PDB file of all heavy atoms in Angstrom:
ATOM      1  N   GLN A   1      -3.482  50.399  34.118  1.00  0.00           N
ATOM      2  CA  GLN A   1      -3.965  49.673  32.939  1.00  0.00           C
ATOM      3  C   GLN A   1      -5.483  49.555  32.960  1.00  0.00           C
ATOM      4  O   GLN A   1      -6.108  49.583  34.030  1.00  0.00           O
ATOM      5  CB  GLN A   1      -3.345  48.279  32.891  1.00  0.00           C
ATOM      6  CG  GLN A   1      -1.856  48.268  32.551  1.00  0.00           C
ATOM      7  CD  GLN A   1      -1.327  46.871  32.320  1.00  0.00           C
ATOM      8  OE1 GLN A   1      -1.879  45.900  32.838  1.00  0.00           O
ATOM      9  NE2 GLN A   1      -0.270  46.755  31.551  1.00  0.00           N
ATOM     10  N   ALA A   2      -6.046  49.404  31.797  1.00  0.00           N
ATOM     11  CA  ALA A   2      -7.487  49.214  31.700  1.00  0.00           C
ATOM     12  C   ALA A   2      -7.907  48.022  32.553  1.00  0.00           C
ATOM     13  O   ALA A   2      -7.239  46.990  32.575  1.00  0.00           O
ATOM     14  CB  ALA A   2      -7.881  48.990  30.248  1.00  0.00           C
ATOM     15  N   GLY A   3      -9.010  48.194  33.253  1.00  0.00           N
ATOM     16  CA  GLY A   3      -9.491  47.163  34.155  1.00  0.00           C
ATOM     17  C   GLY A   3      -8.992  47.330  35.578  1.00  0.00           C
ATOM     18  O   GLY A   3      -9.488  46.654  36.491  1.00  0.00           O
ATOM     19  N   GLY A   4      -8.032  48.223  35.761  1.00  0.00           N
ATOM     20  CA  GLY A   4      -7.464  48.441  37.082  1.00  0.00           C
ATOM     21  C   GLY A   4      -8.265  49.406  37.924  1.00  0.00           C
ATOM     22  O   GLY A   4      -9.357  49.860  37.528  1.00  0.00           O
ATOM     23  N   SER A   5      -7.703  49.728  39.083  1.00  0.00           N
ATOM     24  CA  SER A   5      -8.379  50.590  40.047  1.00  0.00           C
ATOM     25  C   SER A   5      -7.434  51.670  40.556  1.00  0.00           C
ATOM     26  O   SER A   5      -6.215  51.496  40.572  1.00  0.00           O
ATOM     27  CB  SER A   5      -8.869  49.774  41.249  1.00  0.00           C
ATOM     28  OG  SER A   5      -9.808  48.799  40.859  1.00  0.00           O
ATOM     29  N   LEU A   6      -8.030  52.777  40.959  1.00  0.00           N
ATOM     30  CA  LEU A   6      -7.312  53.849  41.636  1.00  0.00           C
ATOM     31  C   LEU A   6      -8.229  54.451  42.683  1.00  0.00           C
ATOM     32  O   LEU A   6      -9.464  54.422  42.520  1.00  0.00           O
ATOM     33  CB  LEU A   6      -6.899  54.952  40.662  1.00  0.00           C
ATOM     34  CG  LEU A   6      -5.627  54.783  39.834  1.00  0.00           C
ATOM     35  CD1 LEU A   6      -5.479  55.966  38.887  1.00  0.00           C
ATOM     36  CD2 LEU A   6      -4.404  54.646  40.705  1.00  0.00           C
ATOM     37  N   ARG A   7      -7.626  54.995  43.718  1.00  0.00           N
ATOM     38  CA  ARG A   7      -8.395  55.705  44.738  1.00  0.00           C
ATOM     39  C   ARG A   7      -7.853  57.124  44.854  1.00  0.00           C
ATOM     40  O   ARG A   7      -6.697  57.312  45.237  1.00  0.00           O
ATOM     41  CB  ARG A   7      -8.298  55.008  46.086  1.00  0.00           C
ATOM     42  CG  ARG A   7      -9.266  55.559  47.125  1.00  0.00           C
ATOM     43  CD  ARG A   7      -8.945  55.005  48.499  1.00  0.00           C
ATOM     44  NE  ARG A   7     -10.050  55.169  49.434  1.00  0.00           N
ATOM     45  CZ  ARG A   7      -9.910  55.112  50.761  1.00  0.00           C
ATOM     46  NH1 ARG A   7      -8.723  54.876  51.296  1.00  0.00           N
ATOM     47  NH2 ARG A   7     -10.953  55.260  51.541  1.00  0.00           N
ATOM     48  N   LEU A   8      -8.684  58.067  44.520  1.00  0.00           N
ATOM     49  CA  LEU A   8      -8.317  59.469  44.638  1.00  0.00           C
ATOM     50  C   LEU A   8      -8.712  60.001  46.003  1.00  0.00           C
ATOM     51  O   LEU A   8      -9.741  59.604  46.564  1.00  0.00           O
ATOM     52  CB  LEU A   8      -8.998  60.299  43.560  1.00  0.00           C
ATOM     53  CG  LEU A   8      -8.780  59.863  42.114  1.00  0.00           C
ATOM     54  CD1 LEU A   8      -9.465  60.843  41.165  1.00  0.00           C
ATOM     55  CD2 LEU A   8      -7.320  59.713  41.793  1.00  0.00           C
ATOM     56  N   SER A   9      -7.902  60.913  46.504  1.00  0.00           N
ATOM     57  CA  SER A   9      -8.192  61.575  47.768  1.00  0.00           C
ATOM     58  C   SER A   9      -8.250  63.077  47.567  1.00  0.00           C
ATOM     59  O   SER A   9      -7.592  63.622  46.682  1.00  0.00           O
ATOM     60  CB  SER A   9      -7.116  61.255  48.814  1.00  0.00           C
ATOM     61  OG  SER A   9      -7.036  59.879  49.069  1.00  0.00           O
ATOM     62  N   CYS A  10      -9.028  63.718  48.400  1.00  0.00           N
ATOM     63  CA  CYS A  10      -9.109  65.178  48.398  1.00  0.00           C
ATOM     64  C   CYS A  10      -9.053  65.622  49.853  1.00  0.00           C
ATOM     65  O   CYS A  10      -9.989  65.356  50.622  1.00  0.00           O
ATOM     66  CB  CYS A  10     -10.389  65.638  47.733  1.00  0.00           C
ATOM     67  SG  CYS A  10     -10.673  67.433  47.818  1.00  0.00           S
ATOM     68  N   ALA A  11      -7.966  66.282  50.219  1.00  0.00           N
ATOM     69  CA  ALA A  11      -7.796  66.776  51.584  1.00  0.00           C
ATOM     70  C   ALA A  11      -8.292  68.209  51.666  1.00  0.00           C
ATOM     71  O   ALA A  11      -7.906  69.060  50.860  1.00  0.00           O
ATOM     72  CB  ALA A  11      -6.328  66.702  51.988  1.00  0.00           C
ATOM     73  N   ALA A  12      -9.140  68.461  52.641  1.00  0.00           N
ATOM     74  CA  ALA A  12      -9.739  69.782  52.803  1.00  0.00           C
ATOM     75  C   ALA A  12      -9.202  70.460  54.044  1.00  0.00           C
ATOM     76  O   ALA A  12      -8.922  69.821  55.059  1.00  0.00           O
ATOM     77  CB  ALA A  12     -11.253  69.663  52.889  1.00  0.00           C
ATOM     78  N   SER A  13      -9.063  71.762  53.968  1.00  0.00           N
ATOM     79  CA  SER A  13      -8.644  72.557  55.129  1.00  0.00           C
ATOM     80  C   SER A  13      -9.353  73.902  55.072  1.00  0.00           C
ATOM     81  O   SER A  13      -9.798  74.345  54.021  1.00  0.00           O
ATOM     82  CB  SER A  13      -7.134  72.762  55.137  1.00  0.00           C
ATOM     83  OG  SER A  13      -6.703  73.446  53.980  1.00  0.00           O
ATOM     84  N   GLY A  14      -9.441  74.529  56.251  1.00  0.00           N
ATOM     85  CA  GLY A  14     -10.115  75.811  56.317  1.00  0.00           C
ATOM     86  C   GLY A  14     -11.419  75.688  57.073  1.00  0.00           C
ATOM     87  O   GLY A  14     -11.442  75.217  58.199  1.00  0.00           O
ATOM     88  N   ARG A  15     -12.492  76.042  56.420  1.00  0.00           N
ATOM     89  CA  ARG A  15     -13.799  76.031  57.051  1.00  0.00           C
ATOM     90  C   ARG A  15     -14.240  74.601  57.348  1.00  0.00           C
ATOM     91  O   ARG A  15     -13.752  73.653  56.737  1.00  0.00           O
ATOM     92  CB  ARG A  15     -14.798  76.714  56.113  1.00  0.00           C
ATOM     93  CG  ARG A  15     -15.975  77.382  56.796  1.00  0.00           C
ATOM     94  CD  ARG A  15     -16.775  78.203  55.771  1.00  0.00           C
ATOM     95  NE  ARG A  15     -17.941  78.820  56.369  1.00  0.00           N
ATOM     96  CZ  ARG A  15     -18.839  79.529  55.684  1.00  0.00           C
ATOM     97  NH1 ARG A  15     -18.682  79.711  54.371  1.00  0.00           N
ATOM     98  NH2 ARG A  15     -19.871  80.055  56.311  1.00  0.00           N
ATOM     99  N   THR A  16     -15.195  74.436  58.255  1.00  0.00           N
ATOM    100  CA  THR A  16     -15.650  73.124  58.709  1.00  0.00           C
ATOM    101  C   THR A  16     -16.062  72.235  57.538  1.00  0.00           C
ATOM    102  O   THR A  16     -17.007  72.542  56.810  1.00  0.00           O
ATOM    103  CB  THR A  16     -16.829  73.280  59.675  1.00  0.00           C
ATOM    104  OG1 THR A  16     -16.444  74.135  60.748  1.00  0.00           O
ATOM    105  CG2 THR A  16     -17.244  71.923  60.219  1.00  0.00           C
ATOM    106  N   PHE A  17     -15.354  71.114  57.371  1.00  0.00           N
ATOM    107  CA  PHE A  17     -15.556  70.242  56.214  1.00  0.00           C
ATOM    108  C   PHE A  17     -16.968  69.720  56.138  1.00  0.00           C
ATOM    109  O   PHE A  17     -17.555  69.613  55.058  1.00  0.00           O
ATOM    110  CB  PHE A  17     -14.544  69.105  56.282  1.00  0.00           C
ATOM    111  CG  PHE A  17     -14.584  68.168  55.110  1.00  0.00           C
ATOM    112  CD1 PHE A  17     -14.361  68.625  53.821  1.00  0.00           C
ATOM    113  CD2 PHE A  17     -14.840  66.815  55.290  1.00  0.00           C
ATOM    114  CE1 PHE A  17     -14.392  67.769  52.734  1.00  0.00           C
ATOM    115  CE2 PHE A  17     -14.872  65.944  54.220  1.00  0.00           C
ATOM    116  CZ  PHE A  17     -14.651  66.427  52.938  1.00  0.00           C
ATOM    117  N   SER A  18     -17.550  69.389  57.266  1.00  0.00           N
ATOM    118  CA  SER A  18     -18.899  68.814  57.263  1.00  0.00           C
ATOM    119  C   SER A  18     -19.963  69.806  56.814  1.00  0.00           C
ATOM    120  O   SER A  18     -21.104  69.433  56.580  1.00  0.00           O
ATOM    121  CB  SER A  18     -19.253  68.272  58.649  1.00  0.00           C
ATOM    122  OG  SER A  18     -19.237  69.322  59.603  1.00  0.00           O
ATOM    123  N   GLY A  19     -19.592  71.053  56.687  1.00  0.00           N
ATOM    124  CA  GLY A  19     -20.534  72.051  56.197  1.00  0.00           C
ATOM    125  C   GLY A  19     -20.637  72.096  54.689  1.00  0.00           C
ATOM    126  O   GLY A  19     -21.472  72.836  54.151  1.00  0.00           O
ATOM    127  N   TYR A  20     -19.833  71.296  54.003  1.00  0.00           N
ATOM    128  CA  TYR A  20     -19.761  71.350  52.551  1.00  0.00           C
ATOM    129  C   TYR A  20     -20.354  70.105  51.901  1.00  0.00           C
ATOM    130  O   TYR A  20     -20.073  68.977  52.332  1.00  0.00           O
ATOM    131  CB  TYR A  20     -18.317  71.469  52.079  1.00  0.00           C
ATOM    132  CG  TYR A  20     -17.706  72.829  52.314  1.00  0.00           C
ATOM    133  CD1 TYR A  20     -17.031  73.097  53.500  1.00  0.00           C
ATOM    134  CD2 TYR A  20     -17.803  73.835  51.361  1.00  0.00           C
ATOM    135  CE1 TYR A  20     -16.471  74.344  53.728  1.00  0.00           C
ATOM    136  CE2 TYR A  20     -17.241  75.077  51.570  1.00  0.00           C
ATOM    137  CZ  TYR A  20     -16.573  75.331  52.755  1.00  0.00           C
ATOM    138  OH  TYR A  20     -16.016  76.557  52.969  1.00  0.00           O
ATOM    139  N   LYS A  21     -21.123  70.312  50.868  1.00  0.00           N
ATOM    140  CA  LYS A  21     -21.426  69.246  49.930  1.00  0.00           C
ATOM    141  C   LYS A  21     -20.225  69.152  48.994  1.00  0.00           C
ATOM    142  O   LYS A  21     -19.643  70.170  48.617  1.00  0.00           O
ATOM    143  CB  LYS A  21     -22.706  69.556  49.165  1.00  0.00           C
ATOM    144  CG  LYS A  21     -23.922  69.645  50.075  1.00  0.00           C
ATOM    145  CD  LYS A  21     -25.141  70.163  49.333  1.00  0.00           C
ATOM    146  CE  LYS A  21     -26.313  70.320  50.305  1.00  0.00           C
ATOM    147  NZ  LYS A  21     -27.484  70.939  49.663  1.00  0.00           N
ATOM    148  N   MET A  22     -19.868  67.934  48.593  1.00  0.00           N
ATOM    149  CA  MET A  22     -18.647  67.720  47.843  1.00  0.00           C
ATOM    150  C   MET A  22     -18.923  66.991  46.538  1.00  0.00           C
ATOM    151  O   MET A  22     -19.892  66.225  46.421  1.00  0.00           O
ATOM    152  CB  MET A  22     -17.661  66.893  48.675  1.00  0.00           C
ATOM    153  CG  MET A  22     -17.246  67.526  49.990  1.00  0.00           C
ATOM    154  SD  MET A  22     -16.330  69.062  49.768  1.00  0.00           S
ATOM    155  CE  MET A  22     -14.872  68.452  48.917  1.00  0.00           C
ATOM    156  N   GLY A  23     -18.024  67.215  45.600  1.00  0.00           N
ATOM    157  CA  GLY A  23     -18.185  66.536  44.318  1.00  0.00           C
ATOM    158  C   GLY A  23     -16.846  66.261  43.658  1.00  0.00           C
ATOM    159  O   GLY A  23     -15.804  66.795  44.067  1.00  0.00           O
ATOM    160  N   TRP A  24     -16.893  65.393  42.662  1.00  0.00           N
ATOM    161  CA  TRP A  24     -15.753  65.120  41.782  1.00  0.00           C
ATOM    162  C   TRP A  24     -16.166  65.447  40.350  1.00  0.00           C
ATOM    163  O   TRP A  24     -17.270  65.085  39.917  1.00  0.00           O
ATOM    164  CB  TRP A  24     -15.328  63.658  41.867  1.00  0.00           C
ATOM    165  CG  TRP A  24     -14.607  63.273  43.113  1.00  0.00           C
ATOM    166  CD1 TRP A  24     -15.140  62.662  44.215  1.00  0.00           C
ATOM    167  CD2 TRP A  24     -13.216  63.457  43.398  1.00  0.00           C
ATOM    168  NE1 TRP A  24     -14.164  62.461  45.160  1.00  0.00           N
ATOM    169  CE2 TRP A  24     -12.976  62.940  44.681  1.00  0.00           C
ATOM    170  CE3 TRP A  24     -12.145  64.004  42.692  1.00  0.00           C
ATOM    171  CZ2 TRP A  24     -11.713  62.950  45.288  1.00  0.00           C
ATOM    172  CZ3 TRP A  24     -10.890  64.027  43.287  1.00  0.00           C
ATOM    173  CH2 TRP A  24     -10.683  63.502  44.565  1.00  0.00           C
ATOM    174  N   PHE A  25     -15.265  66.085  39.650  1.00  0.00           N
ATOM    175  CA  PHE A  25     -15.423  66.364  38.233  1.00  0.00           C
ATOM    176  C   PHE A  25     -14.167  65.883  37.520  1.00  0.00           C
ATOM    177  O   PHE A  25     -13.133  65.623  38.163  1.00  0.00           O
ATOM    178  CB  PHE A  25     -15.609  67.870  37.990  1.00  0.00           C
ATOM    179  CG  PHE A  25     -16.964  68.394  38.365  1.00  0.00           C
ATOM    180  CD1 PHE A  25     -17.336  68.517  39.701  1.00  0.00           C
ATOM    181  CD2 PHE A  25     -17.891  68.759  37.403  1.00  0.00           C
ATOM    182  CE1 PHE A  25     -18.591  68.994  40.060  1.00  0.00           C
ATOM    183  CE2 PHE A  25     -19.146  69.238  37.745  1.00  0.00           C
ATOM    184  CZ  PHE A  25     -19.492  69.356  39.074  1.00  0.00           C
ATOM    185  N   ARG A  26     -14.237  65.796  36.210  1.00  0.00           N
ATOM    186  CA  ARG A  26     -13.040  65.439  35.443  1.00  0.00           C
ATOM    187  C   ARG A  26     -13.033  66.191  34.119  1.00  0.00           C
ATOM    188  O   ARG A  26     -14.081  66.586  33.608  1.00  0.00           O
ATOM    189  CB  ARG A  26     -12.978  63.934  35.200  1.00  0.00           C
ATOM    190  CG  ARG A  26     -14.076  63.386  34.298  1.00  0.00           C
ATOM    191  CD  ARG A  26     -13.993  61.857  34.255  1.00  0.00           C
ATOM    192  NE  ARG A  26     -15.007  61.295  33.370  1.00  0.00           N
ATOM    193  CZ  ARG A  26     -15.213  59.984  33.226  1.00  0.00           C
ATOM    194  NH1 ARG A  26     -14.473  59.111  33.911  1.00  0.00           N
ATOM    195  NH2 ARG A  26     -16.142  59.543  32.393  1.00  0.00           N
ATOM    196  N   GLN A  27     -11.841  66.365  33.590  1.00  0.00           N
ATOM    197  CA  GLN A  27     -11.682  67.055  32.313  1.00  0.00           C
ATOM    198  C   GLN A  27     -10.647  66.326  31.474  1.00  0.00           C
ATOM    199  O   GLN A  27      -9.474  66.245  31.841  1.00  0.00           O
ATOM    200  CB  GLN A  27     -11.258  68.505  32.529  1.00  0.00           C
ATOM    201  CG  GLN A  27     -11.247  69.330  31.259  1.00  0.00           C
ATOM    202  CD  GLN A  27     -11.151  70.816  31.544  1.00  0.00           C
ATOM    203  OE1 GLN A  27     -10.792  71.250  32.631  1.00  0.00           O
ATOM    204  NE2 GLN A  27     -11.507  71.626  30.558  1.00  0.00           N
ATOM    205  N   ALA A  28     -11.097  65.786  30.364  1.00  0.00           N
ATOM    206  CA  ALA A  28     -10.231  65.111  29.414  1.00  0.00           C
ATOM    207  C   ALA A  28      -9.672  66.137  28.431  1.00  0.00           C
ATOM    208  O   ALA A  28     -10.270  67.200  28.233  1.00  0.00           O
ATOM    209  CB  ALA A  28     -11.001  64.028  28.679  1.00  0.00           C
ATOM    210  N   PRO A  29      -8.544  65.830  27.800  1.00  0.00           N
ATOM    211  CA  PRO A  29      -7.950  66.777  26.851  1.00  0.00           C
ATOM    212  C   PRO A  29      -8.934  67.174  25.755  1.00  0.00           C
ATOM    213  O   PRO A  29      -9.568  66.309  25.139  1.00  0.00           O
ATOM    214  CB  PRO A  29      -6.773  65.993  26.277  1.00  0.00           C
ATOM    215  CG  PRO A  29      -6.413  65.024  27.335  1.00  0.00           C
ATOM    216  CD  PRO A  29      -7.706  64.636  27.986  1.00  0.00           C
ATOM    217  N   GLY A  30      -9.078  68.463  25.533  1.00  0.00           N
ATOM    218  CA  GLY A  30      -9.955  68.950  24.488  1.00  0.00           C
ATOM    219  C   GLY A  30     -11.428  68.908  24.811  1.00  0.00           C
ATOM    220  O   GLY A  30     -12.264  69.216  23.946  1.00  0.00           O
ATOM    221  N   LYS A  31     -11.774  68.523  26.032  1.00  0.00           N
ATOM    222  CA  LYS A  31     -13.187  68.417  26.406  1.00  0.00           C
ATOM    223  C   LYS A  31     -13.492  69.319  27.586  1.00  0.00           C
ATOM    224  O   LYS A  31     -12.602  69.769  28.305  1.00  0.00           O
ATOM    225  CB  LYS A  31     -13.537  66.966  26.741  1.00  0.00           C
ATOM    226  CG  LYS A  31     -13.419  66.014  25.567  1.00  0.00           C
ATOM    227  CD  LYS A  31     -13.946  64.636  25.923  1.00  0.00           C
ATOM    228  CE  LYS A  31     -13.911  63.699  24.729  1.00  0.00           C
ATOM    229  NZ  LYS A  31     -14.455  62.353  25.064  1.00  0.00           N
ATOM    230  N   GLU A  32     -14.772  69.568  27.788  1.00  0.00           N
ATOM    231  CA  GLU A  32     -15.188  70.379  28.921  1.00  0.00           C
ATOM    232  C   GLU A  32     -15.140  69.553  30.212  1.00  0.00           C
ATOM    233  O   GLU A  32     -15.243  68.326  30.186  1.00  0.00           O
ATOM    234  CB  GLU A  32     -16.605  70.903  28.684  1.00  0.00           C
ATOM    235  CG  GLU A  32     -16.708  71.878  27.524  1.00  0.00           C
ATOM    236  CD  GLU A  32     -18.100  72.477  27.407  1.00  0.00           C
ATOM    237  OE1 GLU A  32     -19.015  72.002  28.094  1.00  0.00           O
ATOM    238  OE2 GLU A  32     -18.259  73.425  26.622  1.00  0.00           O
ATOM    239  N   ARG A  33     -15.017  70.258  31.309  1.00  0.00           N
ATOM    240  CA  ARG A  33     -15.052  69.591  32.603  1.00  0.00           C
ATOM    241  C   ARG A  33     -16.454  69.021  32.833  1.00  0.00           C
ATOM    242  O   ARG A  33     -17.457  69.699  32.590  1.00  0.00           O
ATOM    243  CB  ARG A  33     -14.691  70.577  33.712  1.00  0.00           C
ATOM    244  CG  ARG A  33     -14.362  69.938  35.036  1.00  0.00           C
ATOM    245  CD  ARG A  33     -13.813  70.947  36.026  1.00  0.00           C
ATOM    246  NE  ARG A  33     -12.578  71.567  35.551  1.00  0.00           N
ATOM    247  CZ  ARG A  33     -11.810  72.366  36.303  1.00  0.00           C
ATOM    248  NH1 ARG A  33     -12.165  72.619  37.553  1.00  0.00           N
ATOM    249  NH2 ARG A  33     -10.730  72.905  35.797  1.00  0.00           N
ATOM    250  N   GLU A  34     -16.501  67.774  33.295  1.00  0.00           N
ATOM    251  CA  GLU A  34     -17.790  67.119  33.458  1.00  0.00           C
ATOM    252  C   GLU A  34     -17.950  66.532  34.847  1.00  0.00           C
ATOM    253  O   GLU A  34     -16.983  66.164  35.511  1.00  0.00           O
ATOM    254  CB  GLU A  34     -17.956  66.005  32.415  1.00  0.00           C
ATOM    255  CG  GLU A  34     -17.000  64.857  32.564  1.00  0.00           C
ATOM    256  CD  GLU A  34     -17.280  63.725  31.580  1.00  0.00           C
ATOM    257  OE1 GLU A  34     -18.133  63.869  30.691  1.00  0.00           O
ATOM    258  OE2 GLU A  34     -16.631  62.668  31.729  1.00  0.00           O
ATOM    259  N   PHE A  35     -19.203  66.431  35.243  1.00  0.00           N
ATOM    260  CA  PHE A  35     -19.561  65.889  36.538  1.00  0.00           C
ATOM    261  C   PHE A  35     -19.264  64.399  36.612  1.00  0.00           C
ATOM    262  O   PHE A  35     -19.497  63.657  35.654  1.00  0.00           O
ATOM    263  CB  PHE A  35     -21.048  66.131  36.783  1.00  0.00           C
ATOM    264  CG  PHE A  35     -21.616  65.412  37.971  1.00  0.00           C
ATOM    265  CD1 PHE A  35     -21.371  65.871  39.259  1.00  0.00           C
ATOM    266  CD2 PHE A  35     -22.401  64.286  37.805  1.00  0.00           C
ATOM    267  CE1 PHE A  35     -21.903  65.210  40.351  1.00  0.00           C
ATOM    268  CE2 PHE A  35     -22.938  63.627  38.884  1.00  0.00           C
ATOM    269  CZ  PHE A  35     -22.685  64.079  40.156  1.00  0.00           C
ATOM    270  N   VAL A  36     -18.765  63.957  37.773  1.00  0.00           N
ATOM    271  CA  VAL A  36     -18.521  62.537  38.020  1.00  0.00           C
ATOM    272  C   VAL A  36     -19.401  62.026  39.158  1.00  0.00           C
ATOM    273  O   VAL A  36     -20.129  61.045  39.003  1.00  0.00           O
ATOM    274  CB  VAL A  36     -17.040  62.286  38.345  1.00  0.00           C
ATOM    275  CG1 VAL A  36     -16.813  60.832  38.742  1.00  0.00           C
ATOM    276  CG2 VAL A  36     -16.149  62.669  37.169  1.00  0.00           C
ATOM    277  N   ALA A  37     -19.322  62.680  40.322  1.00  0.00           N
ATOM    278  CA  ALA A  37     -20.063  62.209  41.486  1.00  0.00           C
ATOM    279  C   ALA A  37     -20.192  63.329  42.509  1.00  0.00           C
ATOM    280  O   ALA A  37     -19.402  64.270  42.508  1.00  0.00           O
ATOM    281  CB  ALA A  37     -19.367  61.011  42.115  1.00  0.00           C
ATOM    282  N   ALA A  38     -21.187  63.200  43.376  1.00  0.00           N
ATOM    283  CA  ALA A  38     -21.380  64.169  44.451  1.00  0.00           C
ATOM    284  C   ALA A  38     -21.861  63.448  45.703  1.00  0.00           C
ATOM    285  O   ALA A  38     -22.446  62.358  45.618  1.00  0.00           O
ATOM    286  CB  ALA A  38     -22.374  65.250  44.042  1.00  0.00           C
ATOM    287  N   ILE A  39     -21.616  64.067  46.848  1.00  0.00           N
ATOM    288  CA  ILE A  39     -22.000  63.459  48.123  1.00  0.00           C
ATOM    289  C   ILE A  39     -22.477  64.542  49.071  1.00  0.00           C
ATOM    290  O   ILE A  39     -21.956  65.671  49.078  1.00  0.00           O
ATOM    291  CB  ILE A  39     -20.797  62.679  48.709  1.00  0.00           C
ATOM    292  CG1 ILE A  39     -21.210  61.860  49.931  1.00  0.00           C
ATOM    293  CG2 ILE A  39     -19.635  63.616  49.046  1.00  0.00           C
ATOM    294  CD1 ILE A  39     -20.150  60.831  50.344  1.00  0.00           C
TER     295      ILE A  39
END
């Protein structure tokens, strides 16, 4: 519901995870994928 919270996870495998810069994007229906956050 609006006002609530969620925690998304992204599990990585393969090459050394610490070697990667990471980001989150999102895509709403009918819209282009957009940047959310990076670390």
